[in-house]
Amino acid sequence: MTTWQVKTTEHHLLKIVKAAQTEGPQFLIEQGKITAVLLSNDCYDKLTKKSQTLYDFLIHSPLAEAEDVYFERDKSSTREVSI
């Protein structure tokens, strides 16, 4: 984990940006506490990417075209539950 003092970041901004791109998130410290994190665009995109729906996952699965995989729906009636 790389940390930087906020008051010195303006003098090292290019270095910090390059470190975020090559080393990962860069933590900015002010008064001994992390106040901000600088991320590369790739890292940000991974964090904010919308996850797949279950349907999309199943459709794009390598097993989607498999002929020897069968899924059958359980057609039994619902079970009785006492409340």
PDB file of N, CA and C in Angstrom:
ATOM      1  N   MET A   1       0.857  -1.178   0.000  1.00  0.00           N
ATOM      2  CA  MET A   1       0.000   0.000   0.000  1.00  0.00           C
ATOM      3  C   MET A   1       0.893   1.228   0.000  1.00  0.00           C
ATOM      4  N   THR A   2       0.689   2.098  -0.959  1.00  0.00           N
ATOM      5  CA  THR A   2       1.444   3.344  -1.024  1.00  0.00           C
ATOM      6  C   THR A   2       0.585   4.468  -0.477  1.00  0.00           C
ATOM      7  N   THR A   3       1.170   5.285   0.375  1.00  0.00           N
ATOM      8  CA  THR A   3       0.440   6.431   0.936  1.00  0.00           C
ATOM      9  C   THR A   3       1.181   7.715   0.600  1.00  0.00           C
ATOM     10  N   TRP A   4       0.422   8.773   0.485  1.00  0.00           N
ATOM     11  CA  TRP A   4       0.973  10.084   0.140  1.00  0.00           C
ATOM     12  C   TRP A   4       0.356  11.131   1.061  1.00  0.00           C
ATOM     13  N   GLN A   5       1.153  12.093   1.512  1.00  0.00           N
ATOM     14  CA  GLN A   5       0.631  13.213   2.288  1.00  0.00           C
ATOM     15  C   GLN A   5      -0.105  14.144   1.325  1.00  0.00           C
ATOM     16  N   VAL A   6      -1.313  14.557   1.674  1.00  0.00           N
ATOM     17  CA  VAL A   6      -2.126  15.400   0.798  1.00  0.00           C
ATOM     18  C   VAL A   6      -1.393  16.687   0.440  1.00  0.00           C
ATOM     19  N   LYS A   7      -0.706  17.283   1.388  1.00  0.00           N
ATOM     20  CA  LYS A   7      -0.041  18.567   1.119  1.00  0.00           C
ATOM     21  C   LYS A   7       1.090  18.451   0.096  1.00  0.00           C
ATOM     22  N   THR A   8       1.599  17.240  -0.159  1.00  0.00           N
ATOM     23  CA  THR A   8       2.677  17.085  -1.138  1.00  0.00           C
ATOM     24  C   THR A   8       2.196  16.518  -2.469  1.00  0.00           C
ATOM     25  N   THR A   9       0.925  16.193  -2.571  1.00  0.00           N
ATOM     26  CA  THR A   9       0.440  15.529  -3.787  1.00  0.00           C
ATOM     27  C   THR A   9       0.508  16.403  -5.028  1.00  0.00           C
ATOM     28  N   GLU A  10       0.328  17.708  -4.884  1.00  0.00           N
ATOM     29  CA  GLU A  10       0.337  18.543  -6.088  1.00  0.00           C
ATOM     30  C   GLU A  10       1.709  18.539  -6.748  1.00  0.00           C
ATOM     31  N   HIS A  11       2.768  18.346  -5.992  1.00  0.00           N
ATOM     32  CA  HIS A  11       4.114  18.301  -6.556  1.00  0.00           C
ATOM     33  C   HIS A  11       4.432  16.937  -7.168  1.00  0.00           C
ATOM     34  N   HIS A  12       3.659  15.917  -6.810  1.00  0.00           N
ATOM     35  CA  HIS A  12       3.930  14.565  -7.266  1.00  0.00           C
ATOM     36  C   HIS A  12       2.751  13.940  -8.010  1.00  0.00           C
ATOM     37  N   LEU A  13       1.848  14.748  -8.501  1.00  0.00           N
ATOM     38  CA  LEU A  13       0.620  14.218  -9.090  1.00  0.00           C
ATOM     39  C   LEU A  13       0.890  13.232 -10.225  1.00  0.00           C
ATOM     40  N   LEU A  14       1.767  13.570 -11.145  1.00  0.00           N
ATOM     41  CA  LEU A  14       2.056  12.673 -12.269  1.00  0.00           C
ATOM     42  C   LEU A  14       2.621  11.349 -11.756  1.00  0.00           C
ATOM     43  N   LYS A  15       3.503  11.414 -10.778  1.00  0.00           N
ATOM     44  CA  LYS A  15       4.093  10.207 -10.194  1.00  0.00           C
ATOM     45  C   LYS A  15       3.005   9.360  -9.516  1.00  0.00           C
ATOM     46  N   ILE A  16       2.079   9.988  -8.838  1.00  0.00           N
ATOM     47  CA  ILE A  16       1.003   9.277  -8.141  1.00  0.00           C
ATOM     48  C   ILE A  16       0.060   8.619  -9.147  1.00  0.00           C
ATOM     49  N   VAL A  17      -0.264   9.341 -10.213  1.00  0.00           N
ATOM     50  CA  VAL A  17      -1.140   8.786 -11.253  1.00  0.00           C
ATOM     51  C   VAL A  17      -0.479   7.569 -11.898  1.00  0.00           C
ATOM     52  N   LYS A  18       0.798   7.672 -12.226  1.00  0.00           N
ATOM     53  CA  LYS A  18       1.503   6.529 -12.830  1.00  0.00           C
ATOM     54  C   LYS A  18       1.557   5.350 -11.858  1.00  0.00           C
ATOM     55  N   ALA A  19       1.739   5.631 -10.569  1.00  0.00           N
ATOM     56  CA  ALA A  19       1.759   4.558  -9.566  1.00  0.00           C
ATOM     57  C   ALA A  19       0.392   3.887  -9.479  1.00  0.00           C
ATOM     58  N   ALA A  20      -0.685   4.662  -9.586  1.00  0.00           N
ATOM     59  CA  ALA A  20      -2.032   4.085  -9.562  1.00  0.00           C
ATOM     60  C   ALA A  20      -2.242   3.164 -10.760  1.00  0.00           C
ATOM     61  N   GLN A  21      -1.668   3.521 -11.890  1.00  0.00           N
ATOM     62  CA  GLN A  21      -1.817   2.709 -13.094  1.00  0.00           C
ATOM     63  C   GLN A  21      -0.983   1.434 -13.046  1.00  0.00           C
ATOM     64  N   THR A  22       0.163   1.475 -12.391  1.00  0.00           N
ATOM     65  CA  THR A  22       1.060   0.326 -12.408  1.00  0.00           C
ATOM     66  C   THR A  22       1.042  -0.493 -11.120  1.00  0.00           C
ATOM     67  N   GLU A  23       0.827   0.167  -9.978  1.00  0.00           N
ATOM     68  CA  GLU A  23       0.920  -0.512  -8.691  1.00  0.00           C
ATOM     69  C   GLU A  23      -0.430  -0.761  -8.032  1.00  0.00           C
ATOM     70  N   GLY A  24      -1.443  -0.010  -8.453  1.00  0.00           N
ATOM     71  CA  GLY A  24      -2.747  -0.144  -7.816  1.00  0.00           C
ATOM     72  C   GLY A  24      -3.135   1.125  -7.078  1.00  0.00           C
ATOM     73  N   PRO A  25      -4.208   1.079  -6.313  1.00  0.00           N
ATOM     74  CA  PRO A  25      -4.726   2.268  -5.629  1.00  0.00           C
ATOM     75  C   PRO A  25      -3.667   2.976  -4.782  1.00  0.00           C
ATOM     76  N   GLN A  26      -3.716   4.295  -4.799  1.00  0.00           N
ATOM     77  CA  GLN A  26      -2.807   5.130  -4.020  1.00  0.00           C
ATOM     78  C   GLN A  26      -3.627   5.855  -2.951  1.00  0.00           C
ATOM     79  N   PHE A  27      -3.189   5.750  -1.718  1.00  0.00           N
ATOM     80  CA  PHE A  27      -3.934   6.298  -0.594  1.00  0.00           C
ATOM     81  C   PHE A  27      -3.375   7.660  -0.203  1.00  0.00           C
ATOM     82  N   LEU A  28      -4.250   8.646  -0.095  1.00  0.00           N
ATOM     83  CA  LEU A  28      -3.844   9.992   0.283  1.00  0.00           C
ATOM     84  C   LEU A  28      -4.148  10.200   1.768  1.00  0.00           C
ATOM     85  N   ILE A  29      -3.129  10.645   2.499  1.00  0.00           N
ATOM     86  CA  ILE A  29      -3.197  10.783   3.950  1.00  0.00           C
ATOM     87  C   ILE A  29      -3.230  12.250   4.337  1.00  0.00           C
ATOM     88  N   GLU A  30      -4.110  12.581   5.258  1.00  0.00           N
ATOM     89  CA  GLU A  30      -4.145  13.936   5.816  1.00  0.00           C
ATOM     90  C   GLU A  30      -4.338  13.799   7.321  1.00  0.00           C
ATOM     91  N   GLN A  31      -3.433  14.376   8.058  1.00  0.00           N
ATOM     92  CA  GLN A  31      -3.435  14.315   9.522  1.00  0.00           C
ATOM     93  C   GLN A  31      -3.478  12.868  10.023  1.00  0.00           C
ATOM     94  N   GLY A  32      -2.709  12.011   9.357  1.00  0.00           N
ATOM     95  CA  GLY A  32      -2.584  10.629   9.793  1.00  0.00           C
ATOM     96  C   GLY A  32      -3.721   9.700   9.405  1.00  0.00           C
ATOM     97  N   LYS A  33      -4.704  10.199   8.671  1.00  0.00           N
ATOM     98  CA  LYS A  33      -5.839   9.362   8.266  1.00  0.00           C
ATOM     99  C   LYS A  33      -5.983   9.362   6.749  1.00  0.00           C
ATOM    100  N   ILE A  34      -6.400   8.204   6.223  1.00  0.00           N
ATOM    101  CA  ILE A  34      -6.656   8.126   4.782  1.00  0.00           C
ATOM    102  C   ILE A  34      -7.891   8.964   4.476  1.00  0.00           C
ATOM    103  N   THR A  35      -7.727   9.941   3.583  1.00  0.00           N
ATOM    104  CA  THR A  35      -8.846  10.819   3.234  1.00  0.00           C
ATOM    105  C   THR A  35      -9.344  10.605   1.813  1.00  0.00           C
ATOM    106  N   ALA A  36      -8.508   9.973   0.982  1.00  0.00           N
ATOM    107  CA  ALA A  36      -8.911   9.746  -0.406  1.00  0.00           C
ATOM    108  C   ALA A  36      -8.084   8.603  -0.984  1.00  0.00           C
ATOM    109  N   VAL A  37      -8.597   8.034  -2.072  1.00  0.00           N
ATOM    110  CA  VAL A  37      -7.889   6.969  -2.779  1.00  0.00           C
ATOM    111  C   VAL A  37      -7.905   7.315  -4.262  1.00  0.00           C
ATOM    112  N   LEU A  38      -6.745   7.270  -4.884  1.00  0.00           N
ATOM    113  CA  LEU A  38      -6.639   7.518  -6.312  1.00  0.00           C
ATOM    114  C   LEU A  38      -6.566   6.172  -7.018  1.00  0.00           C
ATOM    115  N   LEU A  39      -7.510   5.932  -7.929  1.00  0.00           N
ATOM    116  CA  LEU A  39      -7.589   4.676  -8.675  1.00  0.00           C
ATOM    117  C   LEU A  39      -7.292   4.915 -10.142  1.00  0.00           C
ATOM    118  N   SER A  40      -6.732   3.906 -10.791  1.00  0.00           N
ATOM    119  CA  SER A  40      -6.605   3.978 -12.245  1.00  0.00           C
ATOM    120  C   SER A  40      -8.004   3.834 -12.841  1.00  0.00           C
ATOM    121  N   ASN A  41      -8.152   4.239 -14.079  1.00  0.00           N
ATOM    122  CA  ASN A  41      -9.447   4.128 -14.738  1.00  0.00           C
ATOM    123  C   ASN A  41      -9.866   2.664 -14.878  1.00  0.00           C
ATOM    124  N   ASP A  42      -8.920   1.774 -15.159  1.00  0.00           N
ATOM    125  CA  ASP A  42      -9.237   0.347 -15.273  1.00  0.00           C
ATOM    126  C   ASP A  42      -9.782  -0.200 -13.954  1.00  0.00           C
ATOM    127  N   CYS A  43      -9.147   0.172 -12.860  1.00  0.00           N
ATOM    128  CA  CYS A  43      -9.597  -0.284 -11.543  1.00  0.00           C
ATOM    129  C   CYS A  43     -10.990   0.270 -11.233  1.00  0.00           C
ATOM    130  N   TYR A  44     -11.199   1.532 -11.555  1.00  0.00           N
ATOM    131  CA  TYR A  44     -12.507   2.149 -11.329  1.00  0.00           C
ATOM    132  C   TYR A  44     -13.590   1.441 -12.149  1.00  0.00           C
ATOM    133  N   ASP A  45     -13.286   1.156 -13.407  1.00  0.00           N
ATOM    134  CA  ASP A  45     -14.257   0.468 -14.267  1.00  0.00           C
ATOM    135  C   ASP A  45     -14.621  -0.907 -13.712  1.00  0.00           C
ATOM    136  N   LYS A  46     -13.628  -1.639 -13.191  1.00  0.00           N
ATOM    137  CA  LYS A  46     -13.910  -2.950 -12.609  1.00  0.00           C
ATOM    138  C   LYS A  46     -14.815  -2.827 -11.387  1.00  0.00           C
ATOM    139  N   LEU A  47     -14.597  -1.804 -10.585  1.00  0.00           N
ATOM    140  CA  LEU A  47     -15.402  -1.625  -9.376  1.00  0.00           C
ATOM    141  C   LEU A  47     -16.831  -1.197  -9.674  1.00  0.00           C
ATOM    142  N   THR A  48     -17.020  -0.448 -10.748  1.00  0.00           N
ATOM    143  CA  THR A  48     -18.344   0.100 -11.040  1.00  0.00           C
ATOM    144  C   THR A  48     -19.091  -0.663 -12.121  1.00  0.00           C
ATOM    145  N   LYS A  49     -18.449  -1.680 -12.681  1.00  0.00           N
ATOM    146  CA  LYS A  49     -19.083  -2.462 -13.746  1.00  0.00           C
ATOM    147  C   LYS A  49     -20.340  -3.147 -13.212  1.00  0.00           C
ATOM    148  N   LYS A  50     -21.399  -3.033 -13.977  1.00  0.00           N
ATOM    149  CA  LYS A  50     -22.642  -3.694 -13.605  1.00  0.00           C
ATOM    150  C   LYS A  50     -22.454  -5.201 -13.735  1.00  0.00           C
ATOM    151  N   SER A  51     -22.825  -5.910 -12.704  1.00  0.00           N
ATOM    152  CA  SER A  51     -22.649  -7.357 -12.741  1.00  0.00           C
ATOM    153  C   SER A  51     -23.702  -8.001 -13.644  1.00  0.00           C
ATOM    154  N   GLN A  52     -23.369  -9.187 -14.118  1.00  0.00           N
ATOM    155  CA  GLN A  52     -24.272  -9.930 -14.996  1.00  0.00           C
ATOM    156  C   GLN A  52     -25.490 -10.426 -14.226  1.00  0.00           C
ATOM    157  N   THR A  53     -26.566 -10.562 -14.951  1.00  0.00           N
ATOM    158  CA  THR A  53     -27.742 -11.198 -14.363  1.00  0.00           C
ATOM    159  C   THR A  53     -27.517 -12.707 -14.403  1.00  0.00           C
ATOM    160  N   LEU A  54     -28.252 -13.445 -13.612  1.00  0.00           N
ATOM    161  CA  LEU A  54     -28.140 -14.899 -13.615  1.00  0.00           C
ATOM    162  C   LEU A  54     -28.469 -15.443 -15.002  1.00  0.00           C
ATOM    163  N   TYR A  55     -29.468 -14.871 -15.642  1.00  0.00           N
ATOM    164  CA  TYR A  55     -29.859 -15.296 -16.987  1.00  0.00           C
ATOM    165  C   TYR A  55     -28.680 -15.147 -17.959  1.00  0.00           C
ATOM    166  N   ASP A  56     -28.033 -13.966 -17.949  1.00  0.00           N
ATOM    167  CA  ASP A  56     -26.894 -13.740 -18.841  1.00  0.00           C
ATOM    168  C   ASP A  56     -25.757 -14.716 -18.549  1.00  0.00           C
ATOM    169  N   PHE A  57     -25.506 -14.972 -17.266  1.00  0.00           N
ATOM    170  CA  PHE A  57     -24.459 -15.911 -16.886  1.00  0.00           C
ATOM    171  C   PHE A  57     -24.737 -17.300 -17.458  1.00  0.00           C
ATOM    172  N   LEU A  58     -25.978 -17.759 -17.315  1.00  0.00           N
ATOM    173  CA  LEU A  58     -26.330 -19.098 -17.798  1.00  0.00           C
ATOM    174  C   LEU A  58     -26.300 -19.180 -19.319  1.00  0.00           C
ATOM    175  N   ILE A  59     -26.792 -18.150 -19.991  1.00  0.00           N
ATOM    176  CA  ILE A  59     -26.815 -18.143 -21.463  1.00  0.00           C
ATOM    177  C   ILE A  59     -25.397 -18.172 -22.030  1.00  0.00           C
ATOM    178  N   HIS A  60     -24.451 -17.479 -21.380  1.00  0.00           N
ATOM    179  CA  HIS A  60     -23.080 -17.406 -21.892  1.00  0.00           C
ATOM    180  C   HIS A  60     -22.163 -18.463 -21.279  1.00  0.00           C
ATOM    181  N   SER A  61     -22.713 -19.349 -20.522  1.00  0.00           N
ATOM    182  CA  SER A  61     -21.940 -20.424 -19.906  1.00  0.00           C
ATOM    183  C   SER A  61     -21.462 -21.400 -20.972  1.00  0.00           C
ATOM    184  N   PRO A  62     -20.289 -21.997 -20.774  1.00  0.00           N
ATOM    185  CA  PRO A  62     -19.830 -23.023 -21.721  1.00  0.00           C
ATOM    186  C   PRO A  62     -20.775 -24.222 -21.777  1.00  0.00           C
ATOM    187  N   LEU A  63     -21.571 -24.407 -20.744  1.00  0.00           N
ATOM    188  CA  LEU A  63     -22.510 -25.526 -20.721  1.00  0.00           C
ATOM    189  C   LEU A  63     -23.825 -25.219 -21.446  1.00  0.00           C
ATOM    190  N   ALA A  64     -24.004 -23.991 -21.887  1.00  0.00           N
ATOM    191  CA  ALA A  64     -25.270 -23.606 -22.517  1.00  0.00           C
ATOM    192  C   ALA A  64     -25.567 -24.435 -23.758  1.00  0.00           C
ATOM    193  N   GLU A  65     -24.544 -24.819 -24.482  1.00  0.00           N
ATOM    194  CA  GLU A  65     -24.733 -25.586 -25.719  1.00  0.00           C
ATOM    195  C   GLU A  65     -24.521 -27.091 -25.514  1.00  0.00           C
ATOM    196  N   ALA A  66     -24.218 -27.494 -24.303  1.00  0.00           N
ATOM    197  CA  ALA A  66     -23.968 -28.915 -24.037  1.00  0.00           C
ATOM    198  C   ALA A  66     -25.243 -29.720 -24.227  1.00  0.00           C
ATOM    199  N   GLU A  67     -25.117 -30.829 -24.907  1.00  0.00           N
ATOM    200  CA  GLU A  67     -26.289 -31.659 -25.194  1.00  0.00           C
ATOM    201  C   GLU A  67     -26.547 -32.690 -24.094  1.00  0.00           C
ATOM    202  N   ASP A  68     -25.575 -32.915 -23.243  1.00  0.00           N
ATOM    203  CA  ASP A  68     -25.739 -33.939 -22.219  1.00  0.00           C
ATOM    204  C   ASP A  68     -26.096 -33.360 -20.849  1.00  0.00           C
ATOM    205  N   VAL A  69     -26.468 -32.098 -20.810  1.00  0.00           N
ATOM    206  CA  VAL A  69     -26.879 -31.469 -19.552  1.00  0.00           C
ATOM    207  C   VAL A  69     -28.372 -31.164 -19.640  1.00  0.00           C
ATOM    208  N   TYR A  70     -29.122 -31.708 -18.700  1.00  0.00           N
ATOM    209  CA  TYR A  70     -30.572 -31.519 -18.714  1.00  0.00           C
ATOM    210  C   TYR A  70     -31.027 -30.906 -17.403  1.00  0.00           C
ATOM    211  N   PHE A  71     -31.894 -29.951 -17.505  1.00  0.00           N
ATOM    212  CA  PHE A  71     -32.492 -29.345 -16.330  1.00  0.00           C
ATOM    213  C   PHE A  71     -33.990 -29.582 -16.393  1.00  0.00           C
ATOM    214  N   GLU A  72     -34.510 -30.189 -15.360  1.00  0.00           N
ATOM    215  CA  GLU A  72     -35.947 -30.438 -15.312  1.00  0.00           C
ATOM    216  C   GLU A  72     -36.534 -29.678 -14.142  1.00  0.00           C
ATOM    217  N   ARG A  73     -37.671 -29.126 -14.363  1.00  0.00           N
ATOM    218  CA  ARG A  73     -38.361 -28.400 -13.316  1.00  0.00           C
ATOM    219  C   ARG A  73     -39.097 -29.386 -12.406  1.00  0.00           C
ATOM    220  N   ASP A  74     -38.990 -29.154 -11.112  1.00  0.00           N
ATOM    221  CA  ASP A  74     -39.710 -29.975 -10.142  1.00  0.00           C
ATOM    222  C   ASP A  74     -41.184 -29.596 -10.223  1.00  0.00           C
ATOM    223  N   LYS A  75     -42.027 -30.520 -10.651  1.00  0.00           N
ATOM    224  CA  LYS A  75     -43.443 -30.221 -10.844  1.00  0.00           C
ATOM    225  C   LYS A  75     -44.302 -30.651  -9.673  1.00  0.00           C
ATOM    226  N   SER A  76     -43.669 -31.067  -8.579  1.00  0.00           N
ATOM    227  CA  SER A  76     -44.456 -31.465  -7.402  1.00  0.00           C
ATOM    228  C   SER A  76     -45.127 -30.233  -6.794  1.00  0.00           C
ATOM    229  N   SER A  77     -46.243 -30.478  -6.140  1.00  0.00           N
ATOM    230  CA  SER A  77     -46.956 -29.356  -5.528  1.00  0.00           C
ATOM    231  C   SER A  77     -46.180 -28.847  -4.325  1.00  0.00           C
ATOM    232  N   THR A  78     -46.517 -27.677  -3.904  1.00  0.00           N
ATOM    233  CA  THR A  78     -45.804 -27.077  -2.781  1.00  0.00           C
ATOM    234  C   THR A  78     -46.050 -27.871  -1.508  1.00  0.00           C
ATOM    235  N   ARG A  79     -45.164 -27.778  -0.586  1.00  0.00           N
ATOM    236  CA  ARG A  79     -45.314 -28.532   0.654  1.00  0.00           C
ATOM    237  C   ARG A  79     -46.179 -27.771   1.650  1.00  0.00           C
ATOM    238  N   GLU A  80     -46.775 -28.486   2.518  1.00  0.00           N
ATOM    239  CA  GLU A  80     -47.607 -27.903   3.570  1.00  0.00           C
ATOM    240  C   GLU A  80     -46.709 -27.396   4.705  1.00  0.00           C
ATOM    241  N   VAL A  81     -47.005 -26.220   5.171  1.00  0.00           N
ATOM    242  CA  VAL A  81     -46.245 -25.638   6.266  1.00  0.00           C
ATOM    243  C   VAL A  81     -47.230 -25.224   7.341  1.00  0.00           C
ATOM    244  N   SER A  82     -46.971 -25.668   8.555  1.00  0.00           N
ATOM    245  CA  SER A  82     -47.846 -25.252   9.656  1.00  0.00           C
ATOM    246  C   SER A  82     -47.291 -23.977  10.285  1.00  0.00           C
ATOM    247  N   ILE A  83     -48.189 -23.053  10.538  1.00  0.00           N
ATOM    248  CA  ILE A  83     -47.770 -21.758  11.105  1.00  0.00           C
ATOM    249  C   ILE A  83     -48.288 -21.638  12.535  1.00  0.00           C
TER     250      ILE A  83
END
